[in-house]
PDB file of N, CA and C in Angstrom:
ATOM      1  N   UNK A   1     -19.487  30.234  23.539  1.00  0.00           N
ATOM      2  CA  UNK A   1     -19.044  29.318  24.679  1.00  0.00           C
ATOM      3  C   UNK A   1     -20.015  29.154  25.626  1.00  0.00           C
ATOM      4  N   UNK A   2     -20.177  28.081  26.218  1.00  0.00           N
ATOM      5  CA  UNK A   2     -21.107  27.720  27.317  1.00  0.00           C
ATOM      6  C   UNK A   2     -20.546  28.184  28.670  1.00  0.00           C
ATOM      7  N   UNK A   3     -21.181  29.132  29.172  1.00  0.00           N
ATOM      8  CA  UNK A   3     -20.634  29.738  30.551  1.00  0.00           C
ATOM      9  C   UNK A   3     -21.504  29.374  31.639  1.00  0.00           C
ATOM     10  N   UNK A   4     -21.951  28.053  31.687  1.00  0.00           N
ATOM     11  CA  UNK A   4     -22.665  27.634  32.840  1.00  0.00           C
ATOM     12  C   UNK A   4     -21.605  26.926  33.771  1.00  0.00           C
ATOM     13  N   UNK A   5     -21.671  27.177  35.079  1.00  0.00           N
ATOM     14  CA  UNK A   5     -20.792  26.770  36.037  1.00  0.00           C
ATOM     15  C   UNK A   5     -21.349  25.938  37.106  1.00  0.00           C
ATOM     16  N   UNK A   6     -20.669  24.813  37.483  1.00  0.00           N
ATOM     17  CA  UNK A   6     -21.124  23.922  38.432  1.00  0.00           C
ATOM     18  C   UNK A   6     -20.368  24.211  39.798  1.00  0.00           C
ATOM     19  N   UNK A   7     -21.000  23.946  40.927  1.00  0.00           N
ATOM     20  CA  UNK A   7     -20.263  24.278  42.150  1.00  0.00           C
ATOM     21  C   UNK A   7     -19.182  23.344  42.725  1.00  0.00           C
ATOM     22  N   UNK A   8     -18.885  22.239  41.886  1.00  0.00           N
ATOM     23  CA  UNK A   8     -18.078  21.135  42.252  1.00  0.00           C
ATOM     24  C   UNK A   8     -16.585  21.453  42.056  1.00  0.00           C
ATOM     25  N   UNK A   9     -16.198  22.482  41.245  1.00  0.00           N
ATOM     26  CA  UNK A   9     -14.895  22.817  41.004  1.00  0.00           C
ATOM     27  C   UNK A   9     -14.785  24.302  40.848  1.00  0.00           C
ATOM     28  N   UNK A  10     -13.469  24.883  41.047  1.00  0.00           N
ATOM     29  CA  UNK A  10     -13.270  26.341  40.931  1.00  0.00           C
ATOM     30  C   UNK A  10     -13.753  26.845  39.604  1.00  0.00           C
ATOM     31  N   UNK A  11     -14.315  27.994  39.643  1.00  0.00           N
ATOM     32  CA  UNK A  11     -14.788  28.554  38.433  1.00  0.00           C
ATOM     33  C   UNK A  11     -13.725  28.841  37.371  1.00  0.00           C
ATOM     34  N   UNK A  12     -12.513  29.278  37.779  1.00  0.00           N
ATOM     35  CA  UNK A  12     -11.521  29.320  36.831  1.00  0.00           C
ATOM     36  C   UNK A  12     -11.074  28.247  36.167  1.00  0.00           C
ATOM     37  N   UNK A  13     -11.219  27.092  36.719  1.00  0.00           N
ATOM     38  CA  UNK A  13     -10.825  25.704  36.012  1.00  0.00           C
ATOM     39  C   UNK A  13     -11.985  25.404  34.997  1.00  0.00           C
ATOM     40  N   UNK A  14     -13.098  25.849  35.427  1.00  0.00           N
ATOM     41  CA  UNK A  14     -14.208  25.645  34.430  1.00  0.00           C
ATOM     42  C   UNK A  14     -14.144  26.505  33.230  1.00  0.00           C
ATOM     43  N   UNK A  15     -13.649  27.730  33.466  1.00  0.00           N
ATOM     44  CA  UNK A  15     -13.377  28.617  32.401  1.00  0.00           C
ATOM     45  C   UNK A  15     -12.382  28.097  31.454  1.00  0.00           C
ATOM     46  N   UNK A  16     -11.299  27.471  31.997  1.00  0.00           N
ATOM     47  CA  UNK A  16     -10.217  26.923  31.129  1.00  0.00           C
ATOM     48  C   UNK A  16     -10.693  25.821  30.344  1.00  0.00           C
ATOM     49  N   UNK A  17     -11.594  25.011  31.022  1.00  0.00           N
ATOM     50  CA  UNK A  17     -12.193  23.994  30.136  1.00  0.00           C
ATOM     51  C   UNK A  17     -13.034  24.519  29.073  1.00  0.00           C
ATOM     52  N   UNK A  18     -13.751  25.358  29.309  1.00  0.00           N
ATOM     53  CA  UNK A  18     -14.654  26.072  28.180  1.00  0.00           C
ATOM     54  C   UNK A  18     -13.774  26.629  26.975  1.00  0.00           C
ATOM     55  N   UNK A  19     -12.663  27.246  27.552  1.00  0.00           N
ATOM     56  CA  UNK A  19     -11.777  27.806  26.393  1.00  0.00           C
ATOM     57  C   UNK A  19     -11.078  26.787  25.620  1.00  0.00           C
ATOM     58  N   UNK A  20     -10.634  25.622  26.344  1.00  0.00           N
ATOM     59  CA  UNK A  20     -10.056  24.497  25.597  1.00  0.00           C
ATOM     60  C   UNK A  20     -11.034  23.889  24.627  1.00  0.00           C
ATOM     61  N   UNK A  21     -12.321  23.748  25.136  1.00  0.00           N
ATOM     62  CA  UNK A  21     -13.483  23.250  24.220  1.00  0.00           C
ATOM     63  C   UNK A  21     -13.562  24.138  22.988  1.00  0.00           C
ATOM     64  N   UNK A  22     -13.579  25.508  23.259  1.00  0.00           N
ATOM     65  CA  UNK A  22     -13.632  26.428  21.985  1.00  0.00           C
ATOM     66  C   UNK A  22     -12.533  26.241  21.108  1.00  0.00           C
ATOM     67  N   UNK A  23     -11.433  25.977  21.628  1.00  0.00           N
ATOM     68  CA  UNK A  23     -10.135  25.765  20.639  1.00  0.00           C
ATOM     69  C   UNK A  23     -10.500  24.425  19.848  1.00  0.00           C
ATOM     70  N   UNK A  24     -10.834  23.335  20.545  1.00  0.00           N
ATOM     71  CA  UNK A  24     -11.179  22.064  19.947  1.00  0.00           C
ATOM     72  C   UNK A  24     -12.150  22.173  18.952  1.00  0.00           C
ATOM     73  N   UNK A  25     -13.222  22.981  19.159  1.00  0.00           N
ATOM     74  CA  UNK A  25     -14.281  23.032  18.175  1.00  0.00           C
ATOM     75  C   UNK A  25     -13.993  23.947  17.088  1.00  0.00           C
ATOM     76  N   UNK A  26     -12.828  24.774  17.167  1.00  0.00           N
ATOM     77  CA  UNK A  26     -12.487  25.742  15.985  1.00  0.00           C
ATOM     78  C   UNK A  26     -13.113  27.078  16.363  1.00  0.00           C
ATOM     79  N   UNK A  27     -13.909  27.234  17.375  1.00  0.00           N
ATOM     80  CA  UNK A  27     -14.413  28.672  17.713  1.00  0.00           C
ATOM     81  C   UNK A  27     -13.297  29.683  17.833  1.00  0.00           C
ATOM     82  N   UNK A  28     -12.124  29.124  18.508  1.00  0.00           N
ATOM     83  CA  UNK A  28     -10.966  29.915  18.717  1.00  0.00           C
ATOM     84  C   UNK A  28      -9.835  29.127  17.994  1.00  0.00           C
ATOM     85  N   UNK A  29      -9.593  29.652  16.628  1.00  0.00           N
ATOM     86  CA  UNK A  29      -8.599  28.775  15.830  1.00  0.00           C
ATOM     87  C   UNK A  29      -7.188  29.084  16.161  1.00  0.00           C
ATOM     88  N   UNK A  30      -6.381  28.277  15.856  1.00  0.00           N
ATOM     89  CA  UNK A  30      -4.711  28.515  16.064  1.00  0.00           C
ATOM     90  C   UNK A  30      -4.458  29.868  15.414  1.00  0.00           C
ATOM     91  N   UNK A  31      -3.822  30.741  16.171  1.00  0.00           N
ATOM     92  CA  UNK A  31      -3.394  32.067  15.777  1.00  0.00           C
ATOM     93  C   UNK A  31      -4.557  32.999  15.923  1.00  0.00           C
ATOM     94  N   UNK A  32      -5.821  32.563  16.272  1.00  0.00           N
ATOM     95  CA  UNK A  32      -6.856  33.554  16.465  1.00  0.00           C
ATOM     96  C   UNK A  32      -6.754  34.379  17.646  1.00  0.00           C
ATOM     97  N   UNK A  33      -7.307  35.630  17.549  1.00  0.00           N
ATOM     98  CA  UNK A  33      -7.310  36.497  18.711  1.00  0.00           C
ATOM     99  C   UNK A  33      -8.268  36.137  19.782  1.00  0.00           C
ATOM    100  N   UNK A  34      -7.877  36.151  20.995  1.00  0.00           N
ATOM    101  CA  UNK A  34      -8.880  35.747  22.281  1.00  0.00           C
ATOM    102  C   UNK A  34      -9.414  37.075  22.688  1.00  0.00           C
ATOM    103  N   UNK A  35     -10.713  37.027  22.854  1.00  0.00           N
ATOM    104  CA  UNK A  35     -11.388  38.381  23.382  1.00  0.00           C
ATOM    105  C   UNK A  35     -10.528  38.837  24.651  1.00  0.00           C
ATOM    106  N   UNK A  36     -10.837  40.142  25.074  1.00  0.00           N
ATOM    107  CA  UNK A  36     -10.129  40.593  26.136  1.00  0.00           C
ATOM    108  C   UNK A  36     -10.739  40.096  27.558  1.00  0.00           C
ATOM    109  N   UNK A  37      -9.969  40.117  28.573  1.00  0.00           N
ATOM    110  CA  UNK A  37     -10.325  39.723  29.849  1.00  0.00           C
ATOM    111  C   UNK A  37     -11.658  40.375  30.202  1.00  0.00           C
ATOM    112  N   UNK A  38     -11.907  41.630  30.031  1.00  0.00           N
ATOM    113  CA  UNK A  38     -13.084  42.283  30.390  1.00  0.00           C
ATOM    114  C   UNK A  38     -14.317  41.755  29.558  1.00  0.00           C
ATOM    115  N   UNK A  39     -14.054  41.603  28.278  1.00  0.00           N
ATOM    116  CA  UNK A  39     -15.112  41.160  27.397  1.00  0.00           C
ATOM    117  C   UNK A  39     -15.541  39.677  27.836  1.00  0.00           C
ATOM    118  N   UNK A  40     -14.482  38.808  28.204  1.00  0.00           N
ATOM    119  CA  UNK A  40     -15.016  37.369  28.444  1.00  0.00           C
ATOM    120  C   UNK A  40     -15.593  37.347  29.830  1.00  0.00           C
ATOM    121  N   UNK A  41     -15.023  38.243  30.689  1.00  0.00           N
ATOM    122  CA  UNK A  41     -15.633  38.164  31.998  1.00  0.00           C
ATOM    123  C   UNK A  41     -17.128  38.745  31.962  1.00  0.00           C
ATOM    124  N   UNK A  42     -17.418  39.666  31.115  1.00  0.00           N
ATOM    125  CA  UNK A  42     -18.774  40.069  30.956  1.00  0.00           C
ATOM    126  C   UNK A  42     -19.660  39.087  30.341  1.00  0.00           C
ATOM    127  N   UNK A  43     -19.244  38.427  29.368  1.00  0.00           N
ATOM    128  CA  UNK A  43     -19.885  37.238  28.740  1.00  0.00           C
ATOM    129  C   UNK A  43     -20.176  36.201  29.747  1.00  0.00           C
ATOM    130  N   UNK A  44     -19.159  35.792  30.551  1.00  0.00           N
ATOM    131  CA  UNK A  44     -19.320  34.727  31.512  1.00  0.00           C
ATOM    132  C   UNK A  44     -19.928  35.167  32.799  1.00  0.00           C
ATOM    133  N   UNK A  45     -20.133  36.419  33.017  1.00  0.00           N
ATOM    134  CA  UNK A  45     -20.619  36.961  34.266  1.00  0.00           C
ATOM    135  C   UNK A  45     -19.861  36.619  35.447  1.00  0.00           C
ATOM    136  N   UNK A  46     -18.511  36.755  35.415  1.00  0.00           N
ATOM    137  CA  UNK A  46     -17.590  36.423  36.420  1.00  0.00           C
ATOM    138  C   UNK A  46     -16.707  37.597  36.669  1.00  0.00           C
ATOM    139  N   UNK A  47     -16.028  37.623  37.787  1.00  0.00           N
ATOM    140  CA  UNK A  47     -15.079  38.736  38.120  1.00  0.00           C
ATOM    141  C   UNK A  47     -13.971  38.662  37.170  1.00  0.00           C
ATOM    142  N   UNK A  48     -13.481  39.808  36.647  1.00  0.00           N
ATOM    143  CA  UNK A  48     -12.294  39.917  35.727  1.00  0.00           C
ATOM    144  C   UNK A  48     -11.056  39.225  36.319  1.00  0.00           C
ATOM    145  N   UNK A  49     -10.914  39.275  37.712  1.00  0.00           N
ATOM    146  CA  UNK A  49      -9.655  38.582  38.299  1.00  0.00           C
ATOM    147  C   UNK A  49      -9.836  37.098  38.052  1.00  0.00           C
ATOM    148  N   UNK A  50     -11.135  36.509  38.028  1.00  0.00           N
ATOM    149  CA  UNK A  50     -11.231  34.985  37.980  1.00  0.00           C
ATOM    150  C   UNK A  50     -10.945  34.769  36.465  1.00  0.00           C
ATOM    151  N   UNK A  51     -11.265  35.585  35.497  1.00  0.00           N
ATOM    152  CA  UNK A  51     -11.052  35.296  34.062  1.00  0.00           C
ATOM    153  C   UNK A  51      -9.497  35.382  33.940  1.00  0.00           C
ATOM    154  N   UNK A  52      -8.924  36.456  34.492  1.00  0.00           N
ATOM    155  CA  UNK A  52      -7.435  36.651  34.222  1.00  0.00           C
ATOM    156  C   UNK A  52      -6.777  35.532  34.767  1.00  0.00           C
ATOM    157  N   UNK A  53      -7.103  34.885  35.847  1.00  0.00           N
ATOM    158  CA  UNK A  53      -6.447  33.733  36.397  1.00  0.00           C
ATOM    159  C   UNK A  53      -6.537  32.662  35.397  1.00  0.00           C
ATOM    160  N   UNK A  54      -7.708  32.399  34.863  1.00  0.00           N
ATOM    161  CA  UNK A  54      -7.911  31.242  33.828  1.00  0.00           C
ATOM    162  C   UNK A  54      -6.963  31.433  32.668  1.00  0.00           C
ATOM    163  N   UNK A  55      -7.000  32.738  32.187  1.00  0.00           N
ATOM    164  CA  UNK A  55      -6.210  32.923  30.858  1.00  0.00           C
ATOM    165  C   UNK A  55      -4.706  32.866  31.190  1.00  0.00           C
ATOM    166  N   UNK A  56      -4.278  33.393  32.349  1.00  0.00           N
ATOM    167  CA  UNK A  56      -2.798  33.288  32.729  1.00  0.00           C
ATOM    168  C   UNK A  56      -2.465  31.733  32.815  1.00  0.00           C
ATOM    169  N   UNK A  57      -3.315  30.914  33.420  1.00  0.00           N
ATOM    170  CA  UNK A  57      -3.066  29.439  33.530  1.00  0.00           C
ATOM    171  C   UNK A  57      -2.936  28.821  32.120  1.00  0.00           C
ATOM    172  N   UNK A  58      -3.855  29.162  31.150  1.00  0.00           N
ATOM    173  CA  UNK A  58      -3.777  28.694  29.891  1.00  0.00           C
ATOM    174  C   UNK A  58      -2.483  29.150  29.053  1.00  0.00           C
ATOM    175  N   UNK A  59      -2.017  30.498  29.475  1.00  0.00           N
ATOM    176  CA  UNK A  59      -0.733  30.790  28.931  1.00  0.00           C
ATOM    177  C   UNK A  59       0.336  30.050  29.350  1.00  0.00           C
ATOM    178  N   UNK A  60       0.357  29.685  30.676  1.00  0.00           N
ATOM    179  CA  UNK A  60       1.431  28.810  31.377  1.00  0.00           C
ATOM    180  C   UNK A  60       1.439  27.510  30.613  1.00  0.00           C
ATOM    181  N   UNK A  61       0.206  26.996  30.328  1.00  0.00           N
ATOM    182  CA  UNK A  61       0.159  25.652  29.638  1.00  0.00           C
ATOM    183  C   UNK A  61       0.738  25.759  28.183  1.00  0.00           C
ATOM    184  N   UNK A  62       0.749  27.038  27.630  1.00  0.00           N
ATOM    185  CA  UNK A  62       1.179  27.142  26.323  1.00  0.00           C
ATOM    186  C   UNK A  62       0.177  27.208  25.210  1.00  0.00           C
ATOM    187  N   UNK A  63      -1.121  26.927  25.750  1.00  0.00           N
ATOM    188  CA  UNK A  63      -2.399  27.046  24.788  1.00  0.00           C
ATOM    189  C   UNK A  63      -2.530  28.525  24.317  1.00  0.00           C
ATOM    190  N   UNK A  64      -2.429  29.495  25.098  1.00  0.00           N
ATOM    191  CA  UNK A  64      -2.564  30.786  24.821  1.00  0.00           C
ATOM    192  C   UNK A  64      -1.190  31.507  24.767  1.00  0.00           C
ATOM    193  N   UNK A  65      -0.976  32.639  23.849  1.00  0.00           N
ATOM    194  CA  UNK A  65       0.187  33.357  23.729  1.00  0.00           C
ATOM    195  C   UNK A  65      -0.076  34.798  24.033  1.00  0.00           C
ATOM    196  N   UNK A  66       0.548  35.446  24.981  1.00  0.00           N
ATOM    197  CA  UNK A  66       0.301  36.845  25.426  1.00  0.00           C
ATOM    198  C   UNK A  66       0.947  37.738  24.215  1.00  0.00           C
ATOM    199  N   UNK A  67       0.198  38.748  23.909  1.00  0.00           N
ATOM    200  CA  UNK A  67       0.734  39.542  22.849  1.00  0.00           C
ATOM    201  C   UNK A  67       0.993  40.981  23.360  1.00  0.00           C
ATOM    202  N   UNK A  68       1.063  41.108  24.774  1.00  0.00           N
ATOM    203  CA  UNK A  68       1.236  42.692  25.274  1.00  0.00           C
ATOM    204  C   UNK A  68      -0.116  43.308  24.981  1.00  0.00           C
ATOM    205  N   UNK A  69       0.096  44.593  24.475  1.00  0.00           N
ATOM    206  CA  UNK A  69      -1.024  45.395  24.037  1.00  0.00           C
ATOM    207  C   UNK A  69      -2.073  44.849  23.049  1.00  0.00           C
ATOM    208  N   UNK A  70      -1.391  43.941  22.108  1.00  0.00           N
ATOM    209  CA  UNK A  70      -2.329  43.456  21.136  1.00  0.00           C
ATOM    210  C   UNK A  70      -3.159  42.291  21.557  1.00  0.00           C
ATOM    211  N   UNK A  71      -3.024  41.913  22.749  1.00  0.00           N
ATOM    212  CA  UNK A  71      -3.885  40.919  23.405  1.00  0.00           C
ATOM    213  C   UNK A  71      -3.465  39.406  23.115  1.00  0.00           C
ATOM    214  N   UNK A  72      -4.077  38.446  23.693  1.00  0.00           N
ATOM    215  CA  UNK A  72      -3.799  37.255  23.434  1.00  0.00           C
ATOM    216  C   UNK A  72      -4.237  36.571  22.190  1.00  0.00           C
ATOM    217  N   UNK A  73      -3.545  35.321  21.868  1.00  0.00           N
ATOM    218  CA  UNK A  73      -3.940  34.550  20.806  1.00  0.00           C
ATOM    219  C   UNK A  73      -3.823  33.085  21.074  1.00  0.00           C
ATOM    220  N   UNK A  74      -4.474  32.308  20.382  1.00  0.00           N
ATOM    221  CA  UNK A  74      -4.293  30.757  20.526  1.00  0.00           C
ATOM    222  C   UNK A  74      -2.981  30.450  19.874  1.00  0.00           C
ATOM    223  N   UNK A  75      -2.286  29.584  20.528  1.00  0.00           N
ATOM    224  CA  UNK A  75      -0.998  29.190  19.992  1.00  0.00           C
ATOM    225  C   UNK A  75      -1.220  28.453  18.509  1.00  0.00           C
ATOM    226  N   UNK A  76      -0.239  28.572  17.759  1.00  0.00           N
ATOM    227  CA  UNK A  76       0.018  27.942  16.419  1.00  0.00           C
ATOM    228  C   UNK A  76       0.815  26.623  16.457  1.00  0.00           C
ATOM    229  N   UNK A  77       1.347  26.432  17.627  1.00  0.00           N
ATOM    230  CA  UNK A  77       2.099  25.184  17.954  1.00  0.00           C
ATOM    231  C   UNK A  77       1.455  24.059  17.878  1.00  0.00           C
ATOM    232  N   UNK A  78       1.579  23.190  16.780  1.00  0.00           N
ATOM    233  CA  UNK A  78       0.759  22.014  16.643  1.00  0.00           C
ATOM    234  C   UNK A  78       0.935  20.900  17.850  1.00  0.00           C
ATOM    235  N   UNK A  79       2.204  21.001  18.264  1.00  0.00           N
ATOM    236  CA  UNK A  79       2.580  19.997  19.458  1.00  0.00           C
ATOM    237  C   UNK A  79       1.681  20.291  20.533  1.00  0.00           C
ATOM    238  N   UNK A  80       1.620  21.637  20.938  1.00  0.00           N
ATOM    239  CA  UNK A  80       0.760  22.125  22.104  1.00  0.00           C
ATOM    240  C   UNK A  80      -0.637  21.741  21.813  1.00  0.00           C
ATOM    241  N   UNK A  81      -1.106  21.960  20.761  1.00  0.00           N
ATOM    242  CA  UNK A  81      -2.578  21.651  20.432  1.00  0.00           C
ATOM    243  C   UNK A  81      -2.879  20.161  20.507  1.00  0.00           C
ATOM    244  N   UNK A  82      -2.060  19.279  19.858  1.00  0.00           N
ATOM    245  CA  UNK A  82      -2.120  17.978  19.948  1.00  0.00           C
ATOM    246  C   UNK A  82      -2.075  17.323  21.373  1.00  0.00           C
ATOM    247  N   UNK A  83      -1.207  17.970  22.195  1.00  0.00           N
ATOM    248  CA  UNK A  83      -1.061  17.522  23.580  1.00  0.00           C
ATOM    249  C   UNK A  83      -2.438  17.884  24.334  1.00  0.00           C
ATOM    250  N   UNK A  84      -2.866  19.097  24.109  1.00  0.00           N
ATOM    251  CA  UNK A  84      -4.172  19.535  24.760  1.00  0.00           C
ATOM    252  C   UNK A  84      -5.127  18.488  24.333  1.00  0.00           C
ATOM    253  N   UNK A  85      -5.393  18.311  23.017  1.00  0.00           N
ATOM    254  CA  UNK A  85      -6.372  17.302  22.488  1.00  0.00           C
ATOM    255  C   UNK A  85      -6.294  15.983  23.114  1.00  0.00           C
ATOM    256  N   UNK A  86      -5.110  15.515  23.367  1.00  0.00           N
ATOM    257  CA  UNK A  86      -4.907  14.137  23.923  1.00  0.00           C
ATOM    258  C   UNK A  86      -5.422  14.210  25.409  1.00  0.00           C
ATOM    259  N   UNK A  87      -4.896  15.262  26.209  1.00  0.00           N
ATOM    260  CA  UNK A  87      -5.193  15.346  27.607  1.00  0.00           C
ATOM    261  C   UNK A  87      -6.741  15.489  27.779  1.00  0.00           C
ATOM    262  N   UNK A  88      -7.451  16.265  26.859  1.00  0.00           N
ATOM    263  CA  UNK A  88      -8.834  16.358  27.044  1.00  0.00           C
ATOM    264  C   UNK A  88      -9.684  15.125  26.766  1.00  0.00           C
ATOM    265  N   UNK A  89      -9.139  14.370  25.637  1.00  0.00           N
ATOM    266  CA  UNK A  89      -9.710  13.094  25.232  1.00  0.00           C
ATOM    267  C   UNK A  89      -9.540  12.054  26.398  1.00  0.00           C
ATOM    268  N   UNK A  90      -8.180  11.971  26.974  1.00  0.00           N
ATOM    269  CA  UNK A  90      -8.080  11.025  28.109  1.00  0.00           C
ATOM    270  C   UNK A  90      -8.775  11.380  29.453  1.00  0.00           C
ATOM    271  N   UNK A  91      -8.996  12.610  29.733  1.00  0.00           N
ATOM    272  CA  UNK A  91      -9.977  13.020  30.830  1.00  0.00           C
ATOM    273  C   UNK A  91     -11.382  12.557  30.591  1.00  0.00           C
ATOM    274  N   UNK A  92     -11.916  12.773  29.357  1.00  0.00           N
ATOM    275  CA  UNK A  92     -13.162  12.369  29.140  1.00  0.00           C
ATOM    276  C   UNK A  92     -13.358  10.843  29.242  1.00  0.00           C
ATOM    277  N   UNK A  93     -12.345  10.097  28.707  1.00  0.00           N
ATOM    278  CA  UNK A  93     -12.264   8.608  28.698  1.00  0.00           C
ATOM    279  C   UNK A  93     -12.310   8.125  30.078  1.00  0.00           C
ATOM    280  N   UNK A  94     -11.550   8.776  30.987  1.00  0.00           N
ATOM    281  CA  UNK A  94     -11.378   8.312  32.277  1.00  0.00           C
ATOM    282  C   UNK A  94     -12.752   8.535  33.170  1.00  0.00           C
ATOM    283  N   UNK A  95     -13.271   9.830  32.871  1.00  0.00           N
ATOM    284  CA  UNK A  95     -14.718  10.058  33.374  1.00  0.00           C
ATOM    285  C   UNK A  95     -15.806   9.074  32.937  1.00  0.00           C
ATOM    286  N   UNK A  96     -15.749   8.614  31.746  1.00  0.00           N
ATOM    287  CA  UNK A  96     -16.643   7.697  31.156  1.00  0.00           C
ATOM    288  C   UNK A  96     -16.534   6.334  31.947  1.00  0.00           C
ATOM    289  N   UNK A  97     -15.173   5.936  31.871  1.00  0.00           N
ATOM    290  CA  UNK A  97     -14.864   4.649  32.493  1.00  0.00           C
ATOM    291  C   UNK A  97     -15.347   4.483  33.855  1.00  0.00           C
ATOM    292  N   UNK A  98     -15.089   5.667  34.723  1.00  0.00           N
ATOM    293  CA  UNK A  98     -15.574   5.731  36.148  1.00  0.00           C
ATOM    294  C   UNK A  98     -17.074   5.521  36.250  1.00  0.00           C
ATOM    295  N   UNK A  99     -17.905   6.235  35.295  1.00  0.00           N
ATOM    296  CA  UNK A  99     -19.182   6.056  35.417  1.00  0.00           C
ATOM    297  C   UNK A  99     -19.754   4.776  35.001  1.00  0.00           C
ATOM    298  N   UNK A 100     -19.110   4.178  33.910  1.00  0.00           N
ATOM    299  CA  UNK A 100     -19.432   2.741  33.579  1.00  0.00           C
ATOM    300  C   UNK A 100     -19.221   1.913  34.572  1.00  0.00           C
ATOM    301  N   UNK A 101     -18.065   1.965  35.408  1.00  0.00           N
ATOM    302  CA  UNK A 101     -17.733   0.931  36.494  1.00  0.00           C
ATOM    303  C   UNK A 101     -18.739   1.064  37.614  1.00  0.00           C
ATOM    304  N   UNK A 102     -19.452   2.192  37.783  1.00  0.00           N
ATOM    305  CA  UNK A 102     -20.431   2.300  38.859  1.00  0.00           C
ATOM    306  C   UNK A 102     -21.621   1.378  38.568  1.00  0.00           C
ATOM    307  N   UNK A 103     -21.841   1.049  37.268  1.00  0.00           N
ATOM    308  CA  UNK A 103     -22.845   0.138  36.877  1.00  0.00           C
ATOM    309  C   UNK A 103     -22.190  -1.307  36.530  1.00  0.00           C
ATOM    310  N   UNK A 104     -20.956  -1.544  36.858  1.00  0.00           N
ATOM    311  CA  UNK A 104     -20.353  -2.782  36.652  1.00  0.00           C
ATOM    312  C   UNK A 104     -19.948  -3.216  35.260  1.00  0.00           C
ATOM    313  N   UNK A 105     -19.890  -2.100  34.488  1.00  0.00           N
ATOM    314  CA  UNK A 105     -19.659  -2.289  33.015  1.00  0.00           C
ATOM    315  C   UNK A 105     -18.018  -2.053  32.884  1.00  0.00           C
ATOM    316  N   UNK A 106     -17.352  -3.004  32.177  1.00  0.00           N
ATOM    317  CA  UNK A 106     -15.918  -2.946  32.062  1.00  0.00           C
ATOM    318  C   UNK A 106     -15.639  -2.006  30.827  1.00  0.00           C
ATOM    319  N   UNK A 107     -14.326  -1.418  30.860  1.00  0.00           N
ATOM    320  CA  UNK A 107     -13.963  -0.614  29.635  1.00  0.00           C
ATOM    321  C   UNK A 107     -14.228  -1.266  28.271  1.00  0.00           C
ATOM    322  N   UNK A 108     -14.005  -2.617  28.227  1.00  0.00           N
ATOM    323  CA  UNK A 108     -14.142  -3.308  27.002  1.00  0.00           C
ATOM    324  C   UNK A 108     -15.622  -3.313  26.644  1.00  0.00           C
ATOM    325  N   UNK A 109     -16.551  -3.481  27.571  1.00  0.00           N
ATOM    326  CA  UNK A 109     -18.029  -3.518  27.427  1.00  0.00           C
ATOM    327  C   UNK A 109     -18.402  -1.984  26.958  1.00  0.00           C
ATOM    328  N   UNK A 110     -17.797  -1.037  27.490  1.00  0.00           N
ATOM    329  CA  UNK A 110     -18.165   0.312  27.357  1.00  0.00           C
ATOM    330  C   UNK A 110     -17.824   0.735  25.877  1.00  0.00           C
ATOM    331  N   UNK A 111     -16.590   0.127  25.464  1.00  0.00           N
ATOM    332  CA  UNK A 111     -16.101   0.406  24.098  1.00  0.00           C
ATOM    333  C   UNK A 111     -17.061  -0.197  23.054  1.00  0.00           C
ATOM    334  N   UNK A 112     -17.701  -1.534  23.382  1.00  0.00           N
ATOM    335  CA  UNK A 112     -18.479  -2.020  22.557  1.00  0.00           C
ATOM    336  C   UNK A 112     -19.838  -1.276  22.434  1.00  0.00           C
ATOM    337  N   UNK A 113     -20.246  -0.844  23.513  1.00  0.00           N
ATOM    338  CA  UNK A 113     -21.534   0.039  23.471  1.00  0.00           C
ATOM    339  C   UNK A 113     -21.279   1.342  22.728  1.00  0.00           C
ATOM    340  N   UNK A 114     -20.202   2.007  22.848  1.00  0.00           N
ATOM    341  CA  UNK A 114     -19.849   3.245  21.970  1.00  0.00           C
ATOM    342  C   UNK A 114     -19.838   2.820  20.596  1.00  0.00           C
ATOM    343  N   UNK A 115     -19.146   1.792  20.127  1.00  0.00           N
ATOM    344  CA  UNK A 115     -19.053   1.490  18.831  1.00  0.00           C
ATOM    345  C   UNK A 115     -20.407   0.989  18.196  1.00  0.00           C
ATOM    346  N   UNK A 116     -21.261   0.442  18.934  1.00  0.00           N
ATOM    347  CA  UNK A 116     -22.774   0.135  18.487  1.00  0.00           C
ATOM    348  C   UNK A 116     -23.312   1.459  18.248  1.00  0.00           C
ATOM    349  N   UNK A 117     -23.241   2.387  19.090  1.00  0.00           N
ATOM    350  CA  UNK A 117     -23.894   3.705  18.951  1.00  0.00           C
ATOM    351  C   UNK A 117     -23.335   4.333  17.677  1.00  0.00           C
ATOM    352  N   UNK A 118     -22.016   4.214  17.317  1.00  0.00           N
ATOM    353  CA  UNK A 118     -21.510   4.869  16.149  1.00  0.00           C
ATOM    354  C   UNK A 118     -22.134   4.271  14.931  1.00  0.00           C
ATOM    355  N   UNK A 119     -22.265   2.948  14.849  1.00  0.00           N
ATOM    356  CA  UNK A 119     -22.890   2.132  13.851  1.00  0.00           C
ATOM    357  C   UNK A 119     -24.266   2.528  13.458  1.00  0.00           C
ATOM    358  N   UNK A 120     -24.976   2.855  14.656  1.00  0.00           N
ATOM    359  CA  UNK A 120     -26.449   3.355  14.630  1.00  0.00           C
ATOM    360  C   UNK A 120     -26.592   4.595  13.963  1.00  0.00           C
ATOM    361  N   UNK A 121     -25.500   5.484  14.161  1.00  0.00           N
ATOM    362  CA  UNK A 121     -25.634   6.788  13.598  1.00  0.00           C
ATOM    363  C   UNK A 121     -25.449   6.831  12.059  1.00  0.00           C
ATOM    364  N   UNK A 122     -24.673   5.864  11.638  1.00  0.00           N
ATOM    365  CA  UNK A 122     -24.579   5.782  10.100  1.00  0.00           C
ATOM    366  C   UNK A 122     -25.553   5.086   9.413  1.00  0.00           C
TER     367      UNK A 122
END
């Protein structure tokens, strides 16, 4: 996971984003065990309380499941995983649209640019 943090948002929110990304990339698969709070805090070089807050929030969202002494796992609930994917993609799309609008580019023009890029890749 990429543990670089920006100063524009709370660190726990950025940790949550990183963990969501790890789930989307398959680094943390459905049903897979999530490293302990201390282990993740050491990797990210953050206070364990900050990591605990992020993991607790992800549990509230349903992405992570608490297992008591056996630790946390990623949910196997496909509806929760699909909703997370949808929310992440919508947030990325909104961010892109805002950046394109700064340059006077409409969402339709942006879509054309992205499709062109996809064609160039193949």
